[in-house]
C-alpha atoms as a PDB file:
ATOM      1  CA  MET A   1      30.716 -35.904 -25.096  1.00  0.00           C
ATOM      2  CA  LYS A   2      28.752 -36.791 -22.084  1.00  0.00           C
ATOM      3  CA  TYR A   3      31.329 -35.374 -19.693  1.00  0.00           C
ATOM      4  CA  VAL A   4      30.957 -31.846 -21.322  1.00  0.00           C
ATOM      5  CA  LEU A   5      27.794 -30.641 -19.673  1.00  0.00           C
ATOM      6  CA  PRO A   6      28.738 -31.338 -16.147  1.00  0.00           C
ATOM      7  CA  VAL A   7      32.040 -29.832 -16.485  1.00  0.00           C
ATOM      8  CA  THR A   8      30.698 -26.800 -18.444  1.00  0.00           C
ATOM      9  CA  LEU A   9      27.857 -26.483 -15.657  1.00  0.00           C
ATOM     10  CA  LEU A  10      30.379 -26.780 -12.855  1.00  0.00           C
ATOM     11  CA  SER A  11      32.661 -24.044 -14.537  1.00  0.00           C
ATOM     12  CA  LEU A  12      29.632 -21.771 -14.673  1.00  0.00           C
ATOM     13  CA  LEU A  13      28.621 -22.260 -10.872  1.00  0.00           C
ATOM     14  CA  THR A  14      32.378 -21.842 -10.033  1.00  0.00           C
ATOM     15  CA  PHE A  15      32.258 -18.533 -11.963  1.00  0.00           C
ATOM     16  CA  ASN A  16      29.036 -17.215 -10.633  1.00  0.00           C
ATOM     17  CA  VAL A  17      30.228 -18.006  -6.830  1.00  0.00           C
ATOM     18  CA  SER A  18      33.484 -16.233  -7.521  1.00  0.00           C
ATOM     19  CA  LEU A  19      31.795 -13.113  -8.607  1.00  0.00           C
ATOM     20  CA  ALA A  20      29.533 -12.817  -5.650  1.00  0.00           C
ATOM     21  CA  GLU A  21      30.415  -9.555  -3.671  1.00  0.00           C
ATOM     22  CA  PRO A  22      30.708  -9.757   0.083  1.00  0.00           C
ATOM     23  CA  VAL A  23      27.676  -9.015   2.133  1.00  0.00           C
ATOM     24  CA  SER A  24      28.062  -5.856   4.080  1.00  0.00           C
ATOM     25  CA  GLY A  25      26.360  -5.256   7.363  1.00  0.00           C
ATOM     26  CA  GLU A  26      24.370  -2.622   5.879  1.00  0.00           C
ATOM     27  CA  ARG A  27      22.836  -4.508   3.409  1.00  0.00           C
ATOM     28  CA  LEU A  28      22.268  -7.518   5.905  1.00  0.00           C
ATOM     29  CA  TYR A  29      20.530  -4.815   8.016  1.00  0.00           C
ATOM     30  CA  THR A  30      18.619  -3.729   5.180  1.00  0.00           C
ATOM     31  CA  ASP A  31      17.499  -7.151   4.013  1.00  0.00           C
ATOM     32  CA  LYS A  32      16.857  -8.733   7.764  1.00  0.00           C
ATOM     33  CA  CYS A  33      16.173  -5.871   9.959  1.00  0.00           C
ATOM     34  CA  ALA A  34      14.574  -3.046   8.003  1.00  0.00           C
ATOM     35  CA  ILE A  35      11.247  -4.637   7.524  1.00  0.00           C
ATOM     36  CA  CYS A  36      10.454  -3.835  11.298  1.00  0.00           C
ATOM     37  CA  HIS A  37      13.148  -1.176  11.984  1.00  0.00           C
ATOM     38  CA  ALA A  38      13.136   1.186   9.110  1.00  0.00           C
ATOM     39  CA  ALA A  39      11.127   4.570   9.343  1.00  0.00           C
ATOM     40  CA  GLY A  40       7.651   4.112   9.579  1.00  0.00           C
ATOM     41  CA  GLU A  41       7.721   0.396  10.321  1.00  0.00           C
ATOM     42  CA  LEU A  42       6.399  -1.195  13.429  1.00  0.00           C
ATOM     43  CA  GLY A  43       9.444  -1.962  15.470  1.00  0.00           C
ATOM     44  CA  THR A  44      10.541   1.804  14.972  1.00  0.00           C
ATOM     45  CA  MET A  45       6.987   3.121  15.926  1.00  0.00           C
ATOM     46  CA  ALA A  46       7.227   0.787  19.133  1.00  0.00           C
ATOM     47  CA  LEU A  47      10.650   2.176  19.978  1.00  0.00           C
ATOM     48  CA  SER A  48       9.406   5.750  19.394  1.00  0.00           C
ATOM     49  CA  ARG A  49       6.745   5.279  21.822  1.00  0.00           C
ATOM     50  CA  ARG A  50       9.091   4.057  24.563  1.00  0.00           C
ATOM     51  CA  LEU A  51      12.246   5.872  23.623  1.00  0.00           C
ATOM     52  CA  GLY A  52      11.164   8.967  21.710  1.00  0.00           C
ATOM     53  CA  ASN A  53      11.407   9.562  17.871  1.00  0.00           C
ATOM     54  CA  GLU A  54      15.274  10.703  18.249  1.00  0.00           C
ATOM     55  CA  ARG A  55      16.299   7.180  19.340  1.00  0.00           C
ATOM     56  CA  ALA A  56      13.611   5.283  17.253  1.00  0.00           C
ATOM     57  CA  ILE A  57      15.641   4.544  14.022  1.00  0.00           C
ATOM     58  CA  LEU A  58      18.248   2.066  14.877  1.00  0.00           C
ATOM     59  CA  ASN A  59      20.720   2.427  12.065  1.00  0.00           C
ATOM     60  CA  GLU A  60      21.068   6.361  13.022  1.00  0.00           C
ATOM     61  CA  ARG A  61      22.089   5.752  16.325  1.00  0.00           C
ATOM     62  CA  THR A  62      25.424   5.957  17.892  1.00  0.00           C
ATOM     63  CA  ASP A  63      24.645   4.691  21.273  1.00  0.00           C
ATOM     64  CA  LEU A  64      24.214   1.172  20.786  1.00  0.00           C
ATOM     65  CA  PRO A  65      26.192  -1.451  22.584  1.00  0.00           C
ATOM     66  CA  ALA A  66      27.628  -4.591  20.338  1.00  0.00           C
ATOM     67  CA  GLU A  67      26.574  -6.797  23.299  1.00  0.00           C
ATOM     68  CA  TYR A  68      23.158  -5.246  23.690  1.00  0.00           C
ATOM     69  CA  VAL A  69      22.097  -5.446  20.323  1.00  0.00           C
ATOM     70  CA  ARG A  70      23.311  -9.281  19.883  1.00  0.00           C
ATOM     71  CA  HIS A  71      21.330  -9.797  23.162  1.00  0.00           C
ATOM     72  CA  VAL A  72      18.455  -8.354  22.008  1.00  0.00           C
ATOM     73  CA  VAL A  73      18.571 -10.081  18.702  1.00  0.00           C
ATOM     74  CA  ARG A  74      18.817 -13.627  20.021  1.00  0.00           C
ATOM     75  CA  HIS A  75      16.604 -13.170  22.934  1.00  0.00           C
ATOM     76  CA  GLY A  76      13.949 -10.551  21.879  1.00  0.00           C
ATOM     77  CA  LEU A  77      12.924  -7.782  23.896  1.00  0.00           C
ATOM     78  CA  ASN A  78       9.114  -6.683  24.553  1.00  0.00           C
ATOM     79  CA  ALA A  79       7.196  -7.340  21.023  1.00  0.00           C
ATOM     80  CA  MET A  80      10.332  -8.087  19.162  1.00  0.00           C
ATOM     81  CA  PRO A  81      10.874 -11.907  18.882  1.00  0.00           C
ATOM     82  CA  PRO A  82      13.995 -13.608  19.273  1.00  0.00           C
ATOM     83  CA  ILE A  83      15.772 -14.031  15.803  1.00  0.00           C
ATOM     84  CA  THR A  84      17.117 -17.389  15.376  1.00  0.00           C
ATOM     85  CA  ARG A  85      20.354 -18.802  14.060  1.00  0.00           C
ATOM     86  CA  GLY A  86      18.506 -20.222  11.102  1.00  0.00           C
ATOM     87  CA  ASP A  87      17.160 -16.471  10.258  1.00  0.00           C
ATOM     88  CA  VAL A  88      20.356 -14.550  11.089  1.00  0.00           C
ATOM     89  CA  THR A  89      23.683 -16.477  11.391  1.00  0.00           C
ATOM     90  CA  ASP A  90      26.213 -15.806  13.900  1.00  0.00           C
ATOM     91  CA  GLN A  91      28.487 -14.327  11.083  1.00  0.00           C
ATOM     92  CA  GLU A  92      25.641 -12.266   9.767  1.00  0.00           C
ATOM     93  CA  LEU A  93      24.825 -10.939  13.349  1.00  0.00           C
ATOM     94  CA  ASP A  94      28.334  -9.915  13.810  1.00  0.00           C
ATOM     95  CA  LEU A  95      28.285  -7.812  10.556  1.00  0.00           C
ATOM     96  CA  ILE A  96      24.959  -6.365  11.415  1.00  0.00           C
ATOM     97  CA  VAL A  97      26.270  -5.320  14.939  1.00  0.00           C
ATOM     98  CA  GLU A  98      29.296  -3.515  13.430  1.00  0.00           C
ATOM     99  CA  PHE A  99      27.238  -1.681  10.954  1.00  0.00           C
ATOM    100  CA  LEU A 100      24.854  -0.489  13.690  1.00  0.00           C
ATOM    101  CA  THR A 101      27.764   0.112  16.284  1.00  0.00           C
ATOM    102  CA  ALA A 102      30.092   1.902  14.012  1.00  0.00           C
ATOM    103  CA  PRO A 103      30.368   5.809  14.070  1.00  0.00           C
ATOM    104  CA  HIS A 104      28.381   7.786  11.928  1.00  0.00           C
END
C-alpha cells in the first residue's frame, strides 16, 4: 500500500505533461513581448516616435530580418534592455523570431 500514492502521483504528472500543447511563437510573443510591444504599450509608442505608426507594431510588420530580431532581443536597443536566456530561452526566441518574420 505504501507504494500506491507515489505511483499514482507519478502517473498523474506524466499524464498532465503529455497533454501539454506545444507553445507557439505567437503565444510566446504575447506572453513575453506584448507587455511592451502590443498596441498602446511603451515599446510600441517608442517605435512609433522613431519609425512611424505603420512600423511600430512588430507583429504586424513584414520587413523584420530574423538576425536583427535576435540581435535586438539579446543585446537591447535604445530603451529596450537585453533579454537574457533566463527570460527567453534560445528555443523560445527561435519560435518568436519565426512568428515575427513569417509572411502575414
